[in-house]
Amino acid sequence: MTSKTKPTDPYAKAGVNIEKGNELVESIKASVNATHDRRVLGGIGGFAGLFELGSKYKNPILVGCTDGVGTKVALSQAHNKTHLTGQDLVAMCVNDMVTCGAEPLFFLDYFAASKLKPKSTAQIVKGIANACKKK
């Protein structure tokens, strides 16, 4: 991400705020990095995640999934409990994964919002990170 946007920048015209995005990344970096072990290659901010399987698994099959929590985000915001939304999101994804007999190894990140609110979003991501550290 660049640190400054130009007034004619098509991203800015579409409502994207690069500064808020950078603010968010800085505020969640420690939480996200705390979920990594030696198998995670690279760090937050790239366009893809890298995970080294190693030799622990015989005939490995990677299973990836992502899910949403629907209207629970609006409810958590209304009751000032956005930190709990992240845990619920992880649970939804883990439930889908274990139905396939898979062991959760990493979390696919995707965050969509009509308007980026760095403080609220950071609370959700911290909840995701806390849930990912639980085994």
N, C-alpha and C. Protein backbone atom coordinates (compact mmCIF):
# COMPACT_ATOMS: atom_id res chain seq x y z
N MET A 1 0.83 -1.18 0.00
CA MET A 1 0.00 0.00 0.00
C MET A 1 0.87 1.25 0.00
N THR A 2 0.41 2.26 -0.68
CA THR A 2 1.13 3.51 -0.65
C THR A 2 0.69 4.32 0.55
N SER A 3 1.52 5.24 0.95
CA SER A 3 1.19 6.01 2.15
C SER A 3 0.29 7.21 1.85
N LYS A 4 0.26 7.67 0.61
CA LYS A 4 -0.56 8.83 0.27
C LYS A 4 -1.39 8.52 -0.97
N THR A 5 -2.58 9.10 -1.03
CA THR A 5 -3.40 8.96 -2.23
C THR A 5 -3.55 10.33 -2.88
N LYS A 6 -3.69 10.34 -4.17
CA LYS A 6 -3.92 11.57 -4.91
C LYS A 6 -5.42 11.78 -5.01
N PRO A 7 -5.87 13.04 -5.03
CA PRO A 7 -7.32 13.29 -5.14
C PRO A 7 -7.94 12.67 -6.39
N THR A 8 -7.13 12.44 -7.43
CA THR A 8 -7.66 11.86 -8.66
C THR A 8 -7.52 10.34 -8.70
N ASP A 9 -7.02 9.78 -7.64
CA ASP A 9 -6.81 8.33 -7.56
C ASP A 9 -8.15 7.62 -7.68
N PRO A 10 -8.27 6.67 -8.62
CA PRO A 10 -9.55 5.96 -8.79
C PRO A 10 -9.96 5.18 -7.53
N TYR A 11 -9.00 4.69 -6.75
CA TYR A 11 -9.35 4.02 -5.49
C TYR A 11 -10.05 4.99 -4.55
N ALA A 12 -9.48 6.18 -4.40
CA ALA A 12 -10.08 7.19 -3.52
C ALA A 12 -11.47 7.58 -4.02
N LYS A 13 -11.61 7.72 -5.33
CA LYS A 13 -12.91 8.06 -5.90
C LYS A 13 -13.94 6.97 -5.62
N ALA A 14 -13.49 5.72 -5.51
CA ALA A 14 -14.40 4.59 -5.24
C ALA A 14 -14.68 4.44 -3.75
N GLY A 15 -14.04 5.27 -2.92
CA GLY A 15 -14.29 5.22 -1.48
C GLY A 15 -13.23 4.48 -0.69
N VAL A 16 -12.15 4.06 -1.35
CA VAL A 16 -11.07 3.36 -0.65
C VAL A 16 -10.18 4.40 0.03
N ASN A 17 -9.88 4.17 1.29
CA ASN A 17 -9.03 5.08 2.04
C ASN A 17 -7.75 4.34 2.40
N ILE A 18 -6.69 4.61 1.65
CA ILE A 18 -5.41 3.93 1.84
C ILE A 18 -4.85 4.19 3.23
N GLU A 19 -4.97 5.40 3.72
CA GLU A 19 -4.44 5.72 5.05
C GLU A 19 -5.12 4.89 6.14
N LYS A 20 -6.44 4.75 6.04
CA LYS A 20 -7.15 3.93 7.02
C LYS A 20 -6.74 2.47 6.91
N GLY A 21 -6.52 2.02 5.67
CA GLY A 21 -6.04 0.64 5.47
C GLY A 21 -4.68 0.43 6.11
N ASN A 22 -3.77 1.38 5.92
CA ASN A 22 -2.45 1.29 6.55
C ASN A 22 -2.56 1.33 8.07
N GLU A 23 -3.45 2.19 8.58
CA GLU A 23 -3.68 2.27 10.03
C GLU A 23 -4.17 0.93 10.57
N LEU A 24 -5.08 0.31 9.85
CA LEU A 24 -5.61 -0.99 10.26
C LEU A 24 -4.50 -2.04 10.30
N VAL A 25 -3.71 -2.13 9.23
CA VAL A 25 -2.64 -3.13 9.18
C VAL A 25 -1.69 -2.95 10.36
N GLU A 26 -1.30 -1.72 10.65
CA GLU A 26 -0.41 -1.48 11.79
C GLU A 26 -1.05 -1.90 13.11
N SER A 27 -2.36 -1.67 13.26
CA SER A 27 -3.02 -1.98 14.53
C SER A 27 -3.26 -3.48 14.73
N ILE A 28 -3.24 -4.27 13.67
CA ILE A 28 -3.50 -5.71 13.82
C ILE A 28 -2.25 -6.57 13.64
N LYS A 29 -1.15 -5.97 13.25
CA LYS A 29 0.07 -6.72 12.94
C LYS A 29 0.51 -7.62 14.09
N ALA A 30 0.55 -7.10 15.30
CA ALA A 30 0.99 -7.90 16.45
C ALA A 30 0.04 -9.06 16.72
N SER A 31 -1.26 -8.82 16.65
CA SER A 31 -2.25 -9.88 16.89
C SER A 31 -2.11 -11.00 15.87
N VAL A 32 -1.99 -10.63 14.61
CA VAL A 32 -1.88 -11.62 13.54
C VAL A 32 -0.57 -12.39 13.67
N ASN A 33 0.53 -11.69 13.84
CA ASN A 33 1.83 -12.36 13.95
C ASN A 33 1.90 -13.31 15.14
N ALA A 34 1.13 -13.04 16.19
CA ALA A 34 1.12 -13.90 17.38
C ALA A 34 0.49 -15.26 17.10
N THR A 35 -0.22 -15.40 15.98
CA THR A 35 -0.84 -16.69 15.64
C THR A 35 0.11 -17.57 14.82
N HIS A 36 1.21 -17.03 14.36
CA HIS A 36 2.11 -17.76 13.47
C HIS A 36 3.02 -18.71 14.24
N ASP A 37 3.34 -19.82 13.60
CA ASP A 37 4.41 -20.67 14.10
C ASP A 37 5.47 -20.75 13.00
N ARG A 38 6.46 -21.60 13.18
CA ARG A 38 7.59 -21.64 12.24
C ARG A 38 7.19 -22.04 10.82
N ARG A 39 5.99 -22.61 10.66
CA ARG A 39 5.56 -23.05 9.33
C ARG A 39 4.99 -21.92 8.49
N VAL A 40 4.67 -20.81 9.12
CA VAL A 40 4.15 -19.66 8.38
C VAL A 40 5.33 -18.89 7.80
N LEU A 41 5.30 -18.72 6.49
CA LEU A 41 6.38 -18.02 5.79
C LEU A 41 5.87 -16.65 5.38
N GLY A 42 6.66 -15.64 5.58
CA GLY A 42 6.24 -14.29 5.24
C GLY A 42 5.47 -13.69 6.40
N GLY A 43 4.77 -12.62 6.12
CA GLY A 43 4.02 -11.95 7.18
C GLY A 43 2.82 -11.23 6.62
N ILE A 44 2.19 -10.47 7.47
CA ILE A 44 0.98 -9.75 7.10
C ILE A 44 1.32 -8.68 6.05
N GLY A 45 0.40 -8.50 5.13
CA GLY A 45 0.55 -7.45 4.14
C GLY A 45 0.80 -7.95 2.73
N GLY A 46 1.11 -9.21 2.57
CA GLY A 46 1.33 -9.75 1.23
C GLY A 46 0.00 -10.06 0.55
N PHE A 47 0.08 -10.51 -0.66
CA PHE A 47 -1.13 -10.85 -1.40
C PHE A 47 -1.52 -12.31 -1.28
N ALA A 48 -0.69 -13.10 -0.61
CA ALA A 48 -0.99 -14.52 -0.41
C ALA A 48 -0.28 -14.98 0.86
N GLY A 49 -0.82 -16.00 1.48
CA GLY A 49 -0.19 -16.59 2.65
C GLY A 49 0.61 -17.82 2.25
N LEU A 50 1.71 -18.02 2.93
CA LEU A 50 2.56 -19.18 2.66
C LEU A 50 2.67 -20.03 3.91
N PHE A 51 2.45 -21.32 3.75
CA PHE A 51 2.48 -22.24 4.88
C PHE A 51 3.26 -23.48 4.47
N GLU A 52 4.30 -23.80 5.21
CA GLU A 52 5.13 -24.96 4.90
C GLU A 52 4.58 -26.18 5.63
N LEU A 53 4.20 -27.21 4.87
CA LEU A 53 3.64 -28.41 5.47
C LEU A 53 4.69 -29.26 6.18
N GLY A 54 5.88 -29.32 5.64
CA GLY A 54 6.90 -30.18 6.22
C GLY A 54 6.58 -31.64 5.96
N SER A 55 7.13 -32.52 6.78
CA SER A 55 6.96 -33.96 6.55
C SER A 55 6.03 -34.62 7.57
N LYS A 56 5.30 -33.84 8.34
CA LYS A 56 4.40 -34.38 9.36
C LYS A 56 3.27 -35.21 8.74
N TYR A 57 2.85 -34.84 7.54
CA TYR A 57 1.67 -35.46 6.95
C TYR A 57 2.06 -36.40 5.81
N LYS A 58 1.41 -37.55 5.78
CA LYS A 58 1.59 -38.51 4.70
C LYS A 58 0.44 -38.28 3.72
N ASN A 59 0.75 -38.06 2.46
CA ASN A 59 -0.25 -37.76 1.44
C ASN A 59 -1.13 -36.56 1.83
N PRO A 60 -0.52 -35.41 2.05
CA PRO A 60 -1.30 -34.25 2.53
C PRO A 60 -2.29 -33.72 1.50
N ILE A 61 -3.41 -33.29 1.99
CA ILE A 61 -4.42 -32.59 1.19
C ILE A 61 -4.75 -31.32 1.97
N LEU A 62 -4.53 -30.19 1.35
CA LEU A 62 -4.88 -28.93 2.00
C LEU A 62 -6.35 -28.63 1.76
N VAL A 63 -7.04 -28.29 2.81
CA VAL A 63 -8.46 -27.95 2.74
C VAL A 63 -8.57 -26.49 3.17
N GLY A 64 -9.13 -25.68 2.32
CA GLY A 64 -9.31 -24.27 2.65
C GLY A 64 -10.77 -23.90 2.56
N CYS A 65 -11.21 -23.07 3.48
CA CYS A 65 -12.58 -22.60 3.44
C CYS A 65 -12.66 -21.22 4.09
N THR A 66 -13.69 -20.53 3.76
CA THR A 66 -13.96 -19.25 4.41
C THR A 66 -15.47 -19.13 4.57
N ASP A 67 -15.88 -18.42 5.56
CA ASP A 67 -17.30 -18.30 5.87
C ASP A 67 -17.55 -16.90 6.39
N GLY A 68 -18.75 -16.59 6.68
CA GLY A 68 -19.11 -15.30 7.24
C GLY A 68 -20.01 -15.48 8.45
N VAL A 69 -20.22 -14.40 9.15
CA VAL A 69 -21.09 -14.46 10.34
C VAL A 69 -22.39 -13.70 10.12
N GLY A 70 -22.60 -13.25 8.89
CA GLY A 70 -23.87 -12.60 8.55
C GLY A 70 -24.17 -11.38 9.37
N THR A 71 -25.39 -11.33 9.87
CA THR A 71 -25.85 -10.14 10.60
C THR A 71 -25.27 -10.03 12.01
N LYS A 72 -24.49 -11.02 12.42
CA LYS A 72 -23.89 -10.96 13.76
C LYS A 72 -22.95 -9.76 13.90
N VAL A 73 -22.39 -9.29 12.78
CA VAL A 73 -21.53 -8.11 12.84
C VAL A 73 -22.34 -6.90 13.29
N ALA A 74 -23.51 -6.72 12.68
CA ALA A 74 -24.36 -5.58 13.06
C ALA A 74 -24.79 -5.69 14.52
N LEU A 75 -25.12 -6.90 14.96
CA LEU A 75 -25.50 -7.09 16.37
C LEU A 75 -24.34 -6.79 17.30
N SER A 76 -23.16 -7.27 16.95
CA SER A 76 -22.00 -7.04 17.82
C SER A 76 -21.65 -5.56 17.88
N GLN A 77 -21.81 -4.85 16.77
CA GLN A 77 -21.55 -3.41 16.78
C GLN A 77 -22.58 -2.68 17.63
N ALA A 78 -23.84 -3.07 17.51
CA ALA A 78 -24.91 -2.43 18.28
C ALA A 78 -24.72 -2.61 19.78
N HIS A 79 -24.09 -3.72 20.18
CA HIS A 79 -23.92 -4.02 21.61
C HIS A 79 -22.46 -3.86 22.06
N ASN A 80 -21.64 -3.21 21.22
CA ASN A 80 -20.23 -2.94 21.53
C ASN A 80 -19.48 -4.22 21.91
N LYS A 81 -19.67 -5.28 21.11
CA LYS A 81 -19.03 -6.57 21.37
C LYS A 81 -18.32 -7.08 20.11
N THR A 82 -17.73 -6.18 19.33
CA THR A 82 -17.11 -6.60 18.08
C THR A 82 -15.94 -7.56 18.30
N HIS A 83 -15.33 -7.51 19.46
CA HIS A 83 -14.21 -8.43 19.75
C HIS A 83 -14.67 -9.89 19.75
N LEU A 84 -15.95 -10.14 19.96
CA LEU A 84 -16.47 -11.52 19.97
C LEU A 84 -16.79 -12.03 18.57
N THR A 85 -16.98 -11.14 17.61
CA THR A 85 -17.32 -11.53 16.25
C THR A 85 -16.21 -12.36 15.62
N GLY A 86 -14.96 -11.99 15.90
CA GLY A 86 -13.82 -12.72 15.33
C GLY A 86 -13.79 -14.18 15.76
N GLN A 87 -14.06 -14.41 17.05
CA GLN A 87 -14.09 -15.79 17.56
C GLN A 87 -15.19 -16.59 16.88
N ASP A 88 -16.34 -15.98 16.69
CA ASP A 88 -17.45 -16.65 16.03
C ASP A 88 -17.10 -16.97 14.58
N LEU A 89 -16.41 -16.07 13.93
CA LEU A 89 -16.01 -16.29 12.55
C LEU A 89 -15.07 -17.49 12.43
N VAL A 90 -14.10 -17.57 13.32
CA VAL A 90 -13.18 -18.72 13.32
C VAL A 90 -13.96 -20.01 13.56
N ALA A 91 -14.88 -19.98 14.51
CA ALA A 91 -15.67 -21.18 14.81
C ALA A 91 -16.47 -21.64 13.60
N MET A 92 -17.04 -20.70 12.85
CA MET A 92 -17.81 -21.07 11.66
C MET A 92 -16.92 -21.77 10.64
N CYS A 93 -15.72 -21.25 10.45
CA CYS A 93 -14.79 -21.83 9.47
C CYS A 93 -14.25 -23.18 9.94
N VAL A 94 -13.90 -23.27 11.21
CA VAL A 94 -13.38 -24.53 11.75
C VAL A 94 -14.45 -25.61 11.68
N ASN A 95 -15.69 -25.26 11.99
CA ASN A 95 -16.78 -26.24 11.89
C ASN A 95 -16.90 -26.80 10.47
N ASP A 96 -16.83 -25.91 9.48
CA ASP A 96 -16.91 -26.37 8.10
C ASP A 96 -15.74 -27.29 7.75
N MET A 97 -14.57 -26.96 8.26
CA MET A 97 -13.36 -27.72 7.94
C MET A 97 -13.38 -29.11 8.58
N VAL A 98 -13.77 -29.20 9.84
CA VAL A 98 -13.72 -30.49 10.52
C VAL A 98 -14.76 -31.46 9.98
N THR A 99 -15.80 -30.96 9.33
CA THR A 99 -16.76 -31.87 8.71
C THR A 99 -16.12 -32.66 7.57
N CYS A 100 -14.99 -32.16 7.08
CA CYS A 100 -14.25 -32.86 6.03
C CYS A 100 -13.15 -33.74 6.63
N GLY A 101 -13.05 -33.77 7.95
CA GLY A 101 -12.00 -34.55 8.61
C GLY A 101 -10.66 -33.84 8.59
N ALA A 102 -10.65 -32.54 8.36
CA ALA A 102 -9.40 -31.79 8.26
C ALA A 102 -8.98 -31.19 9.59
N GLU A 103 -7.69 -30.97 9.72
CA GLU A 103 -7.11 -30.30 10.89
C GLU A 103 -6.85 -28.85 10.52
N PRO A 104 -7.41 -27.89 11.25
CA PRO A 104 -7.16 -26.48 10.93
C PRO A 104 -5.68 -26.13 11.13
N LEU A 105 -5.06 -25.63 10.07
CA LEU A 105 -3.64 -25.26 10.12
C LEU A 105 -3.43 -23.76 9.98
N PHE A 106 -4.31 -23.11 9.26
CA PHE A 106 -4.19 -21.67 9.04
C PHE A 106 -5.57 -21.11 8.80
N PHE A 107 -5.65 -19.80 8.85
CA PHE A 107 -6.94 -19.13 8.67
C PHE A 107 -6.89 -18.28 7.42
N LEU A 108 -7.85 -18.47 6.52
CA LEU A 108 -7.95 -17.64 5.33
C LEU A 108 -8.56 -16.30 5.71
N ASP A 109 -7.86 -15.23 5.42
CA ASP A 109 -8.39 -13.93 5.81
C ASP A 109 -9.16 -13.27 4.67
N TYR A 110 -10.29 -12.75 5.02
CA TYR A 110 -11.08 -11.96 4.11
C TYR A 110 -11.96 -11.07 4.97
N PHE A 111 -11.85 -9.80 4.77
CA PHE A 111 -12.67 -8.88 5.54
C PHE A 111 -13.33 -7.91 4.57
N ALA A 112 -14.64 -7.89 4.56
CA ALA A 112 -15.39 -6.99 3.70
C ALA A 112 -16.21 -6.04 4.56
N ALA A 113 -16.23 -4.80 4.16
CA ALA A 113 -17.02 -3.80 4.88
C ALA A 113 -17.44 -2.72 3.89
N SER A 114 -18.61 -2.15 4.11
CA SER A 114 -19.04 -1.07 3.24
C SER A 114 -18.21 0.17 3.48
N LYS A 115 -17.71 0.33 4.71
CA LYS A 115 -16.85 1.46 5.05
C LYS A 115 -15.86 0.96 6.10
N LEU A 116 -14.58 1.18 5.87
CA LEU A 116 -13.56 0.70 6.79
C LEU A 116 -13.53 1.55 8.05
N LYS A 117 -13.72 0.88 9.18
CA LYS A 117 -13.62 1.52 10.49
C LYS A 117 -12.47 0.83 11.21
N PRO A 118 -11.26 1.39 11.14
CA PRO A 118 -10.07 0.70 11.65
C PRO A 118 -10.19 0.20 13.09
N LYS A 119 -10.76 0.98 13.98
CA LYS A 119 -10.84 0.56 15.39
C LYS A 119 -11.74 -0.67 15.55
N SER A 120 -12.91 -0.63 14.96
CA SER A 120 -13.85 -1.76 15.04
C SER A 120 -13.28 -2.99 14.33
N THR A 121 -12.70 -2.77 13.15
CA THR A 121 -12.12 -3.87 12.39
C THR A 121 -10.96 -4.51 13.15
N ALA A 122 -10.13 -3.68 13.77
CA ALA A 122 -9.00 -4.20 14.56
C ALA A 122 -9.50 -5.08 15.70
N GLN A 123 -10.62 -4.70 16.34
CA GLN A 123 -11.18 -5.53 17.42
C GLN A 123 -11.62 -6.89 16.88
N ILE A 124 -12.22 -6.90 15.71
CA ILE A 124 -12.66 -8.17 15.11
C ILE A 124 -11.45 -9.04 14.78
N VAL A 125 -10.42 -8.44 14.19
CA VAL A 125 -9.22 -9.20 13.83
C VAL A 125 -8.51 -9.72 15.08
N LYS A 126 -8.48 -8.93 16.14
CA LYS A 126 -7.88 -9.41 17.39
C LYS A 126 -8.66 -10.60 17.94
N GLY A 127 -9.99 -10.58 17.79
CA GLY A 127 -10.80 -11.73 18.19
C GLY A 127 -10.50 -12.94 17.34
N ILE A 128 -10.30 -12.73 16.05
CA ILE A 128 -9.91 -13.83 15.16
C ILE A 128 -8.57 -14.42 15.62
N ALA A 129 -7.61 -13.53 15.88
CA ALA A 129 -6.28 -14.00 16.30
C ALA A 129 -6.36 -14.77 17.62
N ASN A 130 -7.11 -14.28 18.58
CA ASN A 130 -7.24 -14.99 19.86
C ASN A 130 -7.85 -16.37 19.65
N ALA A 131 -8.87 -16.47 18.81
CA ALA A 131 -9.51 -17.76 18.54
C ALA A 131 -8.55 -18.70 17.81
N CYS A 132 -7.74 -18.16 16.91
CA CYS A 132 -6.78 -19.01 16.17
C CYS A 132 -5.72 -19.59 17.09
N LYS A 133 -5.39 -18.89 18.16
CA LYS A 133 -4.36 -19.40 19.09
C LYS A 133 -4.89 -20.51 19.99
N LYS A 134 -6.20 -20.63 20.12
CA LYS A 134 -6.80 -21.67 20.96
C LYS A 134 -6.77 -22.98 20.21
N LYS A 135 -6.49 -24.05 20.92
CA LYS A 135 -6.47 -25.39 20.28
C LYS A 135 -7.47 -26.28 20.92
